[in-house]
Amino acid sequence: MEPQPSTVSEAEALDAYSQAVTSAAERVSPAVVRIEALQGGRRSQAITSSLGSGSGFIFTPDGFILTNSHVVHAAAAIEVTLSDRRQFLADLIGDDPETDLAVIRIPASGLSAAPLGDSSRLRVGQLVVAIGNPYGFQCTVTAGVISALGRSFRAESGRLIDEIIQTDAALNPGNSGGPLVTARGEVVGVNTAIVLPAQGICFAIPSNTATFVAGQLLTGGKIRRGFLGVGGQNVPLPQGIVRFNQLTVDSGVLVAWVEPGGPAARAGVREGDVIVGFGDRGVATIDDLHRALTDERIGVRSRLAVIRHSETVALEVIPEESSLGDRN
C-alpha cells in the first residue's frame, strides 16, 4: 500500500489565512477612528452640518491621528469617534494636499496606537488588510493583496504622488484615511482612493511617505516646497533640437505664463521658453519639475536650462517657498 502524501486540508489553509487577517484586525482596529468634517461645532448643535466623513488611525498614544487631507481640509471643526464610541473635537495640526495626508490631534492620552511599518519592504502579492469606516460602518475590515508598487496618482491639488501602493483590498467611500496593514499588524499605507467603476483597484499612500510628512507637519505644520512662478504644459521636442543641444530629454515644459516679480521672472524666463533642466536633472514634464523643487532648493541658486529659439539658454534661478495654490 502506497503512503498517502501529506497535504494541508482546505480548512486548515483557510484557518491560517483567517488567523492572519484576524490578528492584524484585532491589533489595529482599536486605533482606527471615524472622522467627520463639520461646518460648525459639534454635530449635536443645530448650526452644524456635515461636509463628509472618513477614517483615520491613532499613531501615538497621546492622540495624534493620521488621515487624508481631503477628509479634513475644508472643515471648520473635526469630530473624531473612537472605536469605544467616545467622541472628541480634534485640532488640525497640519495638512498637505499634495500628498493627501493630514495630522490631527484629540485631547486624550493612553490610547491604542497603530505602529507604522516600512513600506519599502512590501512585495507584490503580499497579504494586506484595510480597516476603515465605509458608509459610516465603523471598523470594517477587508483583506486582499498588494497588486502593484510604485504607481503614481494625482492628488486633488494636481500634483503627482509617487510610489503609491495598489491593492485589491476593497475600499468604499468613508475608507479614506484608514490604515492598510500587514499580517503583522504594521501600518504600511494610508488608504486614499478607489478607481470607479473598476473593481479591486484601490490605492494607498505608503507609510514611509506618511512618516516623513507626519514628522514635517508635527514640527512645522506644513511641507515646504520650492516655487518658480511659471505655468506651463508638457510638449515634445523635435529630434533635431534634442540632438543639436545634446539633451537628455525629448520633451520639456513650455512656459505659458511667468508670474511678474517671481523667481522665474527675475531669472529671465520668458513666455515661450521650454524648460528642459533644473539643477543637475533633466526636466521632461511638469511632474519632473515638481519633483525637483524640493525644500532643499528653497533660497538656493540653481541652474535652469531652457530652449529658446532652438538653442539652450542657461539661467540661474532662486526658488522661493510655495504657498497653497502656487503652481510651479
C-alpha atoms as a PDB file:
ATOM      1  CA  MET A   1       0.000   0.000   0.000  1.00  0.00           C
ATOM      2  CA  GLU A   2       1.491   3.331  -1.110  1.00  0.00           C
ATOM      3  CA  PRO A   3       1.842   6.007   1.575  1.00  0.00           C
ATOM      4  CA  GLN A   4      -0.576   8.886   1.229  1.00  0.00           C
ATOM      5  CA  PRO A   5       1.104  12.274   0.553  1.00  0.00           C
ATOM      6  CA  SER A   6       0.808  14.704   3.422  1.00  0.00           C
ATOM      7  CA  THR A   7      -1.388  17.616   2.427  1.00  0.00           C
ATOM      8  CA  VAL A   8      -2.775  20.660   4.186  1.00  0.00           C
ATOM      9  CA  SER A   9      -6.545  20.464   4.211  1.00  0.00           C
ATOM     10  CA  GLU A  10      -8.586  23.251   2.686  1.00  0.00           C
ATOM     11  CA  ALA A  11      -9.998  24.025   6.122  1.00  0.00           C
ATOM     12  CA  GLU A  12      -6.518  24.303   7.644  1.00  0.00           C
ATOM     13  CA  ALA A  13      -5.357  26.622   4.873  1.00  0.00           C
ATOM     14  CA  LEU A  14      -8.396  28.821   5.369  1.00  0.00           C
ATOM     15  CA  ASP A  15      -7.778  28.866   9.103  1.00  0.00           C
ATOM     16  CA  ALA A  16      -4.226  30.112   8.564  1.00  0.00           C
ATOM     17  CA  TYR A  17      -5.434  32.879   6.269  1.00  0.00           C
ATOM     18  CA  SER A  18      -8.244  33.784   8.641  1.00  0.00           C
ATOM     19  CA  GLN A  19      -5.847  33.841  11.571  1.00  0.00           C
ATOM     20  CA  ALA A  20      -3.550  36.291   9.774  1.00  0.00           C
ATOM     21  CA  VAL A  21      -6.421  38.655   8.975  1.00  0.00           C
ATOM     22  CA  THR A  22      -7.985  38.288  12.421  1.00  0.00           C
ATOM     23  CA  SER A  23      -4.769  39.003  14.325  1.00  0.00           C
ATOM     24  CA  ALA A  24      -3.983  42.058  12.196  1.00  0.00           C
ATOM     25  CA  ALA A  25      -7.505  43.428  12.656  1.00  0.00           C
ATOM     26  CA  GLU A  26      -7.500  42.818  16.396  1.00  0.00           C
ATOM     27  CA  ARG A  27      -4.189  44.606  16.799  1.00  0.00           C
ATOM     28  CA  VAL A  28      -5.020  47.708  14.750  1.00  0.00           C
ATOM     29  CA  SER A  29      -8.809  48.177  14.985  1.00  0.00           C
ATOM     30  CA  PRO A  30      -8.700  49.872  18.425  1.00  0.00           C
ATOM     31  CA  ALA A  31      -6.556  52.623  16.846  1.00  0.00           C
ATOM     32  CA  VAL A  32      -8.911  53.242  13.904  1.00  0.00           C
ATOM     33  CA  VAL A  33     -11.226  56.242  14.216  1.00  0.00           C
ATOM     34  CA  ARG A  34     -14.150  57.744  12.355  1.00  0.00           C
ATOM     35  CA  ILE A  35     -13.654  61.373  11.315  1.00  0.00           C
ATOM     36  CA  GLU A  36     -16.432  63.781  10.451  1.00  0.00           C
ATOM     37  CA  ALA A  37     -15.715  67.152   8.881  1.00  0.00           C
ATOM     38  CA  LEU A  38     -18.180  69.759  10.170  1.00  0.00           C
ATOM     39  CA  GLN A  39     -19.107  73.283   9.172  1.00  0.00           C
ATOM     40  CA  GLY A  40     -19.759  74.388  12.759  1.00  0.00           C
ATOM     41  CA  GLY A  41     -19.253  72.995  16.245  1.00  0.00           C
ATOM     42  CA  ARG A  42     -20.321  69.589  17.474  1.00  0.00           C
ATOM     43  CA  ARG A  43     -22.751  67.565  15.404  1.00  0.00           C
ATOM     44  CA  SER A  44     -25.360  67.877  18.186  1.00  0.00           C
ATOM     45  CA  GLN A  45     -25.522  71.658  17.712  1.00  0.00           C
ATOM     46  CA  ALA A  46     -28.253  72.989  15.449  1.00  0.00           C
ATOM     47  CA  ILE A  47     -25.871  75.169  13.427  1.00  0.00           C
ATOM     48  CA  THR A  48     -23.707  72.212  12.470  1.00  0.00           C
ATOM     49  CA  SER A  49     -23.865  70.303   9.205  1.00  0.00           C
ATOM     50  CA  SER A  50     -21.539  67.603   7.925  1.00  0.00           C
ATOM     51  CA  LEU A  51     -19.193  68.125   4.993  1.00  0.00           C
ATOM     52  CA  GLY A  52     -18.391  64.410   4.853  1.00  0.00           C
ATOM     53  CA  SER A  53     -16.728  61.647   6.799  1.00  0.00           C
ATOM     54  CA  GLY A  54     -13.716  59.415   6.545  1.00  0.00           C
ATOM     55  CA  SER A  55     -11.306  57.357   8.570  1.00  0.00           C
ATOM     56  CA  GLY A  56      -8.014  57.797  10.361  1.00  0.00           C
ATOM     57  CA  PHE A  57      -5.793  55.992  12.824  1.00  0.00           C
ATOM     58  CA  ILE A  58      -4.046  56.930  16.041  1.00  0.00           C
ATOM     59  CA  PHE A  59      -0.271  56.656  15.648  1.00  0.00           C
ATOM     60  CA  THR A  60       0.821  57.957  19.070  1.00  0.00           C
ATOM     61  CA  PRO A  61      -0.783  57.171  22.463  1.00  0.00           C
ATOM     62  CA  ASP A  62      -1.229  60.887  23.192  1.00  0.00           C
ATOM     63  CA  GLY A  63      -3.838  61.402  20.489  1.00  0.00           C
ATOM     64  CA  PHE A  64      -2.094  62.192  17.201  1.00  0.00           C
ATOM     65  CA  ILE A  65      -4.043  60.824  14.231  1.00  0.00           C
ATOM     66  CA  LEU A  66      -3.126  60.359  10.569  1.00  0.00           C
ATOM     67  CA  THR A  67      -5.772  60.747   7.885  1.00  0.00           C
ATOM     68  CA  ASN A  68      -6.229  62.093   4.356  1.00  0.00           C
ATOM     69  CA  SER A  69      -6.003  65.807   3.687  1.00  0.00           C
ATOM     70  CA  HIS A  70      -9.180  65.704   1.597  1.00  0.00           C
ATOM     71  CA  VAL A  71     -11.117  64.360   4.603  1.00  0.00           C
ATOM     72  CA  VAL A  72     -10.380  67.386   6.827  1.00  0.00           C
ATOM     73  CA  HIS A  73      -9.043  70.181   4.611  1.00  0.00           C
ATOM     74  CA  ALA A  74     -12.219  72.287   4.368  1.00  0.00           C
ATOM     75  CA  ALA A  75     -13.575  71.562   7.842  1.00  0.00           C
ATOM     76  CA  ALA A  76     -14.420  74.301  10.336  1.00  0.00           C
ATOM     77  CA  ALA A  77     -14.495  71.618  13.031  1.00  0.00           C
ATOM     78  CA  ILE A  78     -13.391  67.975  13.127  1.00  0.00           C
ATOM     79  CA  GLU A  79     -15.202  65.376  15.213  1.00  0.00           C
ATOM     80  CA  VAL A  80     -13.473  62.075  15.986  1.00  0.00           C
ATOM     81  CA  THR A  81     -15.220  58.930  17.172  1.00  0.00           C
ATOM     82  CA  LEU A  82     -13.008  56.241  18.735  1.00  0.00           C
ATOM     83  CA  SER A  83     -13.605  52.514  18.484  1.00  0.00           C
ATOM     84  CA  ASP A  84     -15.080  52.615  22.007  1.00  0.00           C
ATOM     85  CA  ARG A  85     -17.586  55.278  20.836  1.00  0.00           C
ATOM     86  CA  ARG A  86     -16.016  58.176  22.745  1.00  0.00           C
ATOM     87  CA  GLN A  87     -16.136  61.412  20.777  1.00  0.00           C
ATOM     88  CA  PHE A  88     -13.716  64.339  20.704  1.00  0.00           C
ATOM     89  CA  LEU A  89     -13.272  67.568  18.794  1.00  0.00           C
ATOM     90  CA  ALA A  90      -9.867  67.446  17.119  1.00  0.00           C
ATOM     91  CA  ASP A  91      -7.334  70.157  16.305  1.00  0.00           C
ATOM     92  CA  LEU A  92      -5.804  70.242  12.835  1.00  0.00           C
ATOM     93  CA  ILE A  93      -2.040  70.078  13.312  1.00  0.00           C
ATOM     94  CA  GLY A  94      -1.306  70.353   9.607  1.00  0.00           C
ATOM     95  CA  ASP A  95      -2.294  69.003   6.231  1.00  0.00           C
ATOM     96  CA  ASP A  96      -0.560  68.519   2.903  1.00  0.00           C
ATOM     97  CA  PRO A  97      -2.935  68.349  -0.070  1.00  0.00           C
ATOM     98  CA  GLU A  98      -0.075  67.450  -2.370  1.00  0.00           C
ATOM     99  CA  THR A  99       0.394  64.060  -0.658  1.00  0.00           C
ATOM    100  CA  ASP A 100      -3.227  63.916   0.571  1.00  0.00           C
ATOM    101  CA  LEU A 101      -2.084  63.495   4.182  1.00  0.00           C
ATOM    102  CA  ALA A 102      -3.036  65.320   7.373  1.00  0.00           C
ATOM    103  CA  VAL A 103      -2.337  65.087  11.090  1.00  0.00           C
ATOM    104  CA  ILE A 104      -4.982  65.929  13.677  1.00  0.00           C
ATOM    105  CA  ARG A 105      -4.948  65.586  17.464  1.00  0.00           C
ATOM    106  CA  ILE A 106      -7.563  64.822  20.092  1.00  0.00           C
ATOM    107  CA  PRO A 107      -7.241  65.745  23.814  1.00  0.00           C
ATOM    108  CA  ALA A 108      -6.755  62.218  25.128  1.00  0.00           C
ATOM    109  CA  SER A 109      -3.890  60.010  26.323  1.00  0.00           C
ATOM    110  CA  GLY A 110      -3.160  56.347  26.927  1.00  0.00           C
ATOM    111  CA  LEU A 111      -4.724  55.439  23.598  1.00  0.00           C
ATOM    112  CA  SER A 112      -4.140  52.347  21.483  1.00  0.00           C
ATOM    113  CA  ALA A 113      -1.772  53.310  18.671  1.00  0.00           C
ATOM    114  CA  ALA A 114      -1.061  51.535  15.387  1.00  0.00           C
ATOM    115  CA  PRO A 115       2.648  51.069  14.605  1.00  0.00           C
ATOM    116  CA  LEU A 116       3.939  52.465  11.304  1.00  0.00           C
ATOM    117  CA  GLY A 117       5.869  49.874   9.303  1.00  0.00           C
ATOM    118  CA  ASP A 118       8.431  50.066   6.492  1.00  0.00           C
ATOM    119  CA  SER A 119       6.603  50.245   3.158  1.00  0.00           C
ATOM    120  CA  SER A 120       9.859  49.722   1.227  1.00  0.00           C
ATOM    121  CA  ARG A 121       9.780  46.072   2.277  1.00  0.00           C
ATOM    122  CA  LEU A 122       6.415  45.352   0.649  1.00  0.00           C
ATOM    123  CA  ARG A 123       6.180  42.751  -2.115  1.00  0.00           C
ATOM    124  CA  VAL A 124       3.599  42.261  -4.829  1.00  0.00           C
ATOM    125  CA  GLY A 125       1.187  39.516  -3.767  1.00  0.00           C
ATOM    126  CA  GLN A 126       1.665  40.168  -0.044  1.00  0.00           C
ATOM    127  CA  LEU A 127      -1.427  39.920   2.158  1.00  0.00           C
ATOM    128  CA  VAL A 128      -2.759  43.255   3.412  1.00  0.00           C
ATOM    129  CA  VAL A 129      -5.784  44.289   5.446  1.00  0.00           C
ATOM    130  CA  ALA A 130      -7.706  47.566   5.096  1.00  0.00           C
ATOM    131  CA  ILE A 131      -9.636  48.929   8.071  1.00  0.00           C
ATOM    132  CA  GLY A 132     -11.962  51.907   7.966  1.00  0.00           C
ATOM    133  CA  ASN A 133     -15.494  53.224   8.167  1.00  0.00           C
ATOM    134  CA  PRO A 134     -17.097  52.850   4.726  1.00  0.00           C
ATOM    135  CA  TYR A 135     -20.510  54.499   4.595  1.00  0.00           C
ATOM    136  CA  GLY A 136     -20.237  55.053   8.358  1.00  0.00           C
ATOM    137  CA  PHE A 137     -19.962  51.351   9.251  1.00  0.00           C
ATOM    138  CA  GLN A 138     -17.327  51.569  11.969  1.00  0.00           C
ATOM    139  CA  CYS A 139     -14.143  49.455  11.841  1.00  0.00           C
ATOM    140  CA  THR A 140     -14.992  47.475   8.720  1.00  0.00           C
ATOM    141  CA  VAL A 141     -12.233  45.020   7.744  1.00  0.00           C
ATOM    142  CA  THR A 142     -11.404  43.913   4.193  1.00  0.00           C
ATOM    143  CA  ALA A 143      -8.456  41.844   3.007  1.00  0.00           C
ATOM    144  CA  GLY A 144      -6.552  41.464  -0.230  1.00  0.00           C
ATOM    145  CA  VAL A 145      -3.058  41.581  -1.656  1.00  0.00           C
ATOM    146  CA  ILE A 146      -0.581  44.148  -2.891  1.00  0.00           C
ATOM    147  CA  SER A 147      -1.444  44.340  -6.595  1.00  0.00           C
ATOM    148  CA  ALA A 148       1.396  46.649  -7.644  1.00  0.00           C
ATOM    149  CA  LEU A 149       4.013  49.002  -6.229  1.00  0.00           C
ATOM    150  CA  GLY A 150       5.445  52.269  -7.478  1.00  0.00           C
ATOM    151  CA  ARG A 151       2.246  53.589  -9.013  1.00  0.00           C
ATOM    152  CA  SER A 152       1.674  57.324  -9.467  1.00  0.00           C
ATOM    153  CA  PHE A 153      -1.568  59.024  -8.509  1.00  0.00           C
ATOM    154  CA  ARG A 154      -2.619  62.633  -8.965  1.00  0.00           C
ATOM    155  CA  ALA A 155      -3.767  64.413  -5.815  1.00  0.00           C
ATOM    156  CA  GLU A 156      -6.671  66.851  -5.813  1.00  0.00           C
ATOM    157  CA  SER A 157      -4.103  69.669  -5.822  1.00  0.00           C
ATOM    158  CA  GLY A 158      -2.905  68.460  -9.220  1.00  0.00           C
ATOM    159  CA  ARG A 159       0.497  67.253  -8.095  1.00  0.00           C
ATOM    160  CA  LEU A 160       1.564  63.684  -8.759  1.00  0.00           C
ATOM    161  CA  ILE A 161       2.095  61.443  -5.712  1.00  0.00           C
ATOM    162  CA  ASP A 162       4.796  58.857  -6.400  1.00  0.00           C
ATOM    163  CA  GLU A 163       5.378  55.339  -5.066  1.00  0.00           C
ATOM    164  CA  ILE A 164       1.666  54.696  -4.498  1.00  0.00           C
ATOM    165  CA  ILE A 165       0.569  51.214  -3.386  1.00  0.00           C
ATOM    166  CA  GLN A 166      -2.119  49.482  -5.448  1.00  0.00           C
ATOM    167  CA  THR A 167      -4.221  46.873  -3.644  1.00  0.00           C
ATOM    168  CA  ASP A 168      -7.367  44.872  -4.231  1.00  0.00           C
ATOM    169  CA  ALA A 169      -8.453  45.093  -0.580  1.00  0.00           C
ATOM    170  CA  ALA A 170     -11.937  46.527  -1.048  1.00  0.00           C
ATOM    171  CA  LEU A 171     -12.341  50.241  -0.273  1.00  0.00           C
ATOM    172  CA  ASN A 172     -15.502  52.323  -0.327  1.00  0.00           C
ATOM    173  CA  PRO A 173     -16.378  55.956   0.425  1.00  0.00           C
ATOM    174  CA  GLY A 174     -15.507  56.514   4.079  1.00  0.00           C
ATOM    175  CA  ASN A 175     -12.399  54.316   3.969  1.00  0.00           C
ATOM    176  CA  SER A 176     -10.253  57.326   3.063  1.00  0.00           C
ATOM    177  CA  GLY A 177      -7.564  57.907   5.679  1.00  0.00           C
ATOM    178  CA  GLY A 178      -7.787  54.445   7.210  1.00  0.00           C
ATOM    179  CA  PRO A 179      -4.776  52.144   7.569  1.00  0.00           C
ATOM    180  CA  LEU A 180      -3.537  49.456   5.193  1.00  0.00           C
ATOM    181  CA  VAL A 181      -1.984  46.816   7.421  1.00  0.00           C
ATOM    182  CA  THR A 182       0.281  43.779   7.054  1.00  0.00           C
ATOM    183  CA  ALA A 183      -0.387  40.405   8.657  1.00  0.00           C
ATOM    184  CA  ARG A 184       1.944  41.513  11.481  1.00  0.00           C
ATOM    185  CA  GLY A 185      -0.335  44.443  12.257  1.00  0.00           C
ATOM    186  CA  GLU A 186       2.019  47.131  10.937  1.00  0.00           C
ATOM    187  CA  VAL A 187       0.569  50.067   9.010  1.00  0.00           C
ATOM    188  CA  VAL A 188       2.199  50.182   5.566  1.00  0.00           C
ATOM    189  CA  GLY A 189      -0.201  52.564   3.850  1.00  0.00           C
ATOM    190  CA  VAL A 190      -2.890  55.207   4.266  1.00  0.00           C
ATOM    191  CA  ASN A 191      -5.888  54.336   2.098  1.00  0.00           C
ATOM    192  CA  THR A 192      -6.710  57.215  -0.197  1.00  0.00           C
ATOM    193  CA  ALA A 193      -8.673  56.386  -3.347  1.00  0.00           C
ATOM    194  CA  ILE A 194     -10.563  53.910  -5.466  1.00  0.00           C
ATOM    195  CA  VAL A 195     -10.949  53.772  -9.228  1.00  0.00           C
ATOM    196  CA  LEU A 196     -14.577  53.784 -10.348  1.00  0.00           C
ATOM    197  CA  PRO A 197     -16.211  51.872 -11.956  1.00  0.00           C
ATOM    198  CA  ALA A 198     -13.301  49.403 -11.791  1.00  0.00           C
ATOM    199  CA  GLN A 199     -13.448  46.578  -9.263  1.00  0.00           C
ATOM    200  CA  GLY A 200     -10.498  45.894  -6.984  1.00  0.00           C
ATOM    201  CA  ILE A 201      -8.279  48.823  -7.974  1.00  0.00           C
ATOM    202  CA  CYS A 202      -7.551  50.814  -4.825  1.00  0.00           C
ATOM    203  CA  PHE A 203      -4.650  52.990  -3.760  1.00  0.00           C
ATOM    204  CA  ALA A 204      -2.794  53.796  -0.551  1.00  0.00           C
ATOM    205  CA  ILE A 205      -0.055  56.291   0.282  1.00  0.00           C
ATOM    206  CA  PRO A 206       2.997  54.354   1.532  1.00  0.00           C
ATOM    207  CA  SER A 207       3.814  54.504   5.224  1.00  0.00           C
ATOM    208  CA  ASN A 208       7.332  55.797   4.568  1.00  0.00           C
ATOM    209  CA  THR A 209       5.826  58.853   2.858  1.00  0.00           C
ATOM    210  CA  ALA A 210       3.333  59.208   5.708  1.00  0.00           C
ATOM    211  CA  THR A 211       6.100  59.003   8.314  1.00  0.00           C
ATOM    212  CA  PHE A 212       8.082  61.777   6.615  1.00  0.00           C
ATOM    213  CA  VAL A 213       5.063  64.018   6.056  1.00  0.00           C
ATOM    214  CA  ALA A 214       3.750  63.489   9.602  1.00  0.00           C
ATOM    215  CA  GLY A 215       7.133  64.447  11.032  1.00  0.00           C
ATOM    216  CA  GLN A 216       7.203  67.654   8.987  1.00  0.00           C
ATOM    217  CA  LEU A 217       3.623  68.535   9.922  1.00  0.00           C
ATOM    218  CA  LEU A 218       4.316  67.936  13.622  1.00  0.00           C
ATOM    219  CA  THR A 219       7.320  70.254  13.608  1.00  0.00           C
ATOM    220  CA  GLY A 220       6.167  72.961  11.207  1.00  0.00           C
ATOM    221  CA  GLY A 221       2.524  72.406  10.354  1.00  0.00           C
ATOM    222  CA  LYS A 222       3.251  72.214   6.620  1.00  0.00           C
ATOM    223  CA  ILE A 223       5.550  70.789   3.966  1.00  0.00           C
ATOM    224  CA  ARG A 224       7.972  73.241   2.372  1.00  0.00           C
ATOM    225  CA  ARG A 225       8.322  73.083  -1.420  1.00  0.00           C
ATOM    226  CA  GLY A 226      10.048  75.250  -3.963  1.00  0.00           C
ATOM    227  CA  PHE A 227       8.244  77.662  -6.301  1.00  0.00           C
ATOM    228  CA  LEU A 228       9.410  79.253  -9.554  1.00  0.00           C
ATOM    229  CA  GLY A 229       6.374  81.263 -10.619  1.00  0.00           C
ATOM    230  CA  VAL A 230       5.608  79.769 -14.023  1.00  0.00           C
ATOM    231  CA  GLY A 231       2.686  77.981 -15.618  1.00  0.00           C
ATOM    232  CA  GLY A 232       3.140  75.614 -18.492  1.00  0.00           C
ATOM    233  CA  GLN A 233       2.373  72.420 -20.319  1.00  0.00           C
ATOM    234  CA  ASN A 234       4.282  69.366 -21.470  1.00  0.00           C
ATOM    235  CA  VAL A 235       5.458  69.498 -25.086  1.00  0.00           C
ATOM    236  CA  PRO A 236       7.540  67.142 -27.265  1.00  0.00           C
ATOM    237  CA  LEU A 237      10.816  68.439 -28.667  1.00  0.00           C
ATOM    238  CA  PRO A 238      11.879  67.973 -32.305  1.00  0.00           C
ATOM    239  CA  GLN A 239      14.641  65.388 -32.587  1.00  0.00           C
ATOM    240  CA  GLY A 240      16.851  67.908 -34.349  1.00  0.00           C
ATOM    241  CA  ILE A 241      16.750  70.213 -31.301  1.00  0.00           C
ATOM    242  CA  VAL A 242      17.387  67.280 -28.959  1.00  0.00           C
ATOM    243  CA  ARG A 243      20.470  66.197 -30.930  1.00  0.00           C
ATOM    244  CA  PHE A 244      21.819  69.713 -31.558  1.00  0.00           C
ATOM    245  CA  ASN A 245      21.618  70.647 -27.855  1.00  0.00           C
ATOM    246  CA  GLN A 246      22.672  67.172 -26.648  1.00  0.00           C
ATOM    247  CA  LEU A 247      19.649  66.979 -24.365  1.00  0.00           C
ATOM    248  CA  THR A 248      18.939  64.066 -22.048  1.00  0.00           C
ATOM    249  CA  VAL A 249      15.160  64.513 -22.517  1.00  0.00           C
ATOM    250  CA  ASP A 250      12.967  64.534 -25.614  1.00  0.00           C
ATOM    251  CA  SER A 251      10.233  66.730 -24.141  1.00  0.00           C
ATOM    252  CA  GLY A 252      10.008  69.706 -21.805  1.00  0.00           C
ATOM    253  CA  VAL A 253       7.728  72.241 -20.133  1.00  0.00           C
ATOM    254  CA  LEU A 254       6.515  75.035 -22.419  1.00  0.00           C
ATOM    255  CA  VAL A 255       6.215  78.219 -20.331  1.00  0.00           C
ATOM    256  CA  ALA A 256       2.737  79.657 -20.912  1.00  0.00           C
ATOM    257  CA  TRP A 257       2.988  82.446 -18.355  1.00  0.00           C
ATOM    258  CA  VAL A 258       5.515  83.946 -15.959  1.00  0.00           C
ATOM    259  CA  GLU A 259       4.428  85.477 -12.672  1.00  0.00           C
ATOM    260  CA  PRO A 260       5.558  89.113 -12.542  1.00  0.00           C
ATOM    261  CA  GLY A 261       8.250  89.597  -9.924  1.00  0.00           C
ATOM    262  CA  GLY A 262       8.511  85.852  -9.244  1.00  0.00           C
ATOM    263  CA  PRO A 263      11.722  83.809  -9.141  1.00  0.00           C
ATOM    264  CA  ALA A 264      11.464  82.790 -12.809  1.00  0.00           C
ATOM    265  CA  ALA A 265      10.794  86.366 -13.949  1.00  0.00           C
ATOM    266  CA  ARG A 266      13.832  87.613 -12.029  1.00  0.00           C
ATOM    267  CA  ALA A 267      15.911  84.854 -13.631  1.00  0.00           C
ATOM    268  CA  GLY A 268      14.935  85.987 -17.116  1.00  0.00           C
ATOM    269  CA  VAL A 269      12.496  83.216 -18.063  1.00  0.00           C
ATOM    270  CA  ARG A 270      10.192  84.254 -20.919  1.00  0.00           C
ATOM    271  CA  GLU A 271       6.861  83.014 -22.200  1.00  0.00           C
ATOM    272  CA  GLY A 272       7.571  80.530 -24.977  1.00  0.00           C
ATOM    273  CA  ASP A 273      10.721  79.140 -23.342  1.00  0.00           C
ATOM    274  CA  VAL A 274      10.781  75.366 -22.882  1.00  0.00           C
ATOM    275  CA  ILE A 275      12.250  74.227 -19.557  1.00  0.00           C
ATOM    276  CA  VAL A 276      14.431  71.138 -20.062  1.00  0.00           C
ATOM    277  CA  GLY A 277      16.597  71.085 -16.940  1.00  0.00           C
ATOM    278  CA  PHE A 278      16.713  72.170 -13.323  1.00  0.00           C
ATOM    279  CA  GLY A 279      19.835  71.814 -11.194  1.00  0.00           C
ATOM    280  CA  ASP A 280      21.588  68.683 -12.411  1.00  0.00           C
ATOM    281  CA  ARG A 281      18.371  66.966 -13.514  1.00  0.00           C
ATOM    282  CA  GLY A 282      16.622  66.801 -16.854  1.00  0.00           C
ATOM    283  CA  VAL A 283      13.054  68.090 -16.924  1.00  0.00           C
ATOM    284  CA  ALA A 284      10.775  66.286 -19.381  1.00  0.00           C
ATOM    285  CA  THR A 285       7.422  67.032 -17.731  1.00  0.00           C
ATOM    286  CA  ILE A 286       5.736  69.293 -15.204  1.00  0.00           C
ATOM    287  CA  ASP A 287       5.868  66.402 -12.746  1.00  0.00           C
ATOM    288  CA  ASP A 288       9.669  66.259 -13.143  1.00  0.00           C
ATOM    289  CA  LEU A 289       9.807  69.961 -12.264  1.00  0.00           C
ATOM    290  CA  HIS A 290       7.608  69.387  -9.207  1.00  0.00           C
ATOM    291  CA  ARG A 291       9.892  66.589  -8.007  1.00  0.00           C
ATOM    292  CA  ALA A 292      12.963  68.770  -8.449  1.00  0.00           C
ATOM    293  CA  LEU A 293      11.536  71.680  -6.431  1.00  0.00           C
ATOM    294  CA  THR A 294      12.259  70.170  -3.020  1.00  0.00           C
ATOM    295  CA  ASP A 295      12.611  72.147   0.186  1.00  0.00           C
ATOM    296  CA  GLU A 296      16.412  71.897  -0.110  1.00  0.00           C
ATOM    297  CA  ARG A 297      16.222  74.116  -3.210  1.00  0.00           C
ATOM    298  CA  ILE A 298      14.400  76.975  -1.480  1.00  0.00           C
ATOM    299  CA  GLY A 299      16.679  80.009  -1.426  1.00  0.00           C
ATOM    300  CA  VAL A 300      19.455  78.162  -3.269  1.00  0.00           C
ATOM    301  CA  ARG A 301      20.752  79.488  -6.588  1.00  0.00           C
ATOM    302  CA  SER A 302      20.106  76.744  -9.148  1.00  0.00           C
ATOM    303  CA  ARG A 303      20.701  76.228 -12.863  1.00  0.00           C
ATOM    304  CA  LEU A 304      17.597  76.391 -15.047  1.00  0.00           C
ATOM    305  CA  ALA A 305      18.039  75.193 -18.632  1.00  0.00           C
ATOM    306  CA  VAL A 306      15.552  76.393 -21.268  1.00  0.00           C
ATOM    307  CA  ILE A 307      15.267  76.051 -25.019  1.00  0.00           C
ATOM    308  CA  ARG A 308      14.855  79.472 -26.609  1.00  0.00           C
ATOM    309  CA  HIS A 309      14.878  79.873 -30.406  1.00  0.00           C
ATOM    310  CA  SER A 310      16.078  76.250 -30.763  1.00  0.00           C
ATOM    311  CA  GLU A 311      19.139  76.748 -28.539  1.00  0.00           C
ATOM    312  CA  THR A 312      19.836  76.029 -24.876  1.00  0.00           C
ATOM    313  CA  VAL A 313      19.985  79.054 -22.588  1.00  0.00           C
ATOM    314  CA  ALA A 314      21.369  78.533 -19.073  1.00  0.00           C
ATOM    315  CA  LEU A 315      19.725  80.731 -16.446  1.00  0.00           C
ATOM    316  CA  GLU A 316      20.145  80.966 -12.688  1.00  0.00           C
ATOM    317  CA  VAL A 317      17.042  80.928 -10.513  1.00  0.00           C
ATOM    318  CA  ILE A 318      16.491  81.068  -6.753  1.00  0.00           C
ATOM    319  CA  PRO A 319      13.270  79.188  -5.870  1.00  0.00           C
ATOM    320  CA  GLU A 320      11.043  80.579  -3.160  1.00  0.00           C
ATOM    321  CA  GLU A 321       8.825  78.698  -0.746  1.00  0.00           C
ATOM    322  CA  SER A 322       5.478  77.895  -2.299  1.00  0.00           C
ATOM    323  CA  SER A 323       2.143  78.652  -0.717  1.00  0.00           C
ATOM    324  CA  LEU A 324      -1.083  76.691  -1.252  1.00  0.00           C
ATOM    325  CA  GLY A 325      -2.362  77.399  -4.724  1.00  0.00           C
ATOM    326  CA  ASP A 326       1.035  78.067  -6.319  1.00  0.00           C
ATOM    327  CA  ARG A 327       1.616  76.023  -9.469  1.00  0.00           C
ATOM    328  CA  ASN A 328       5.345  75.600 -10.178  1.00  0.00           C
END
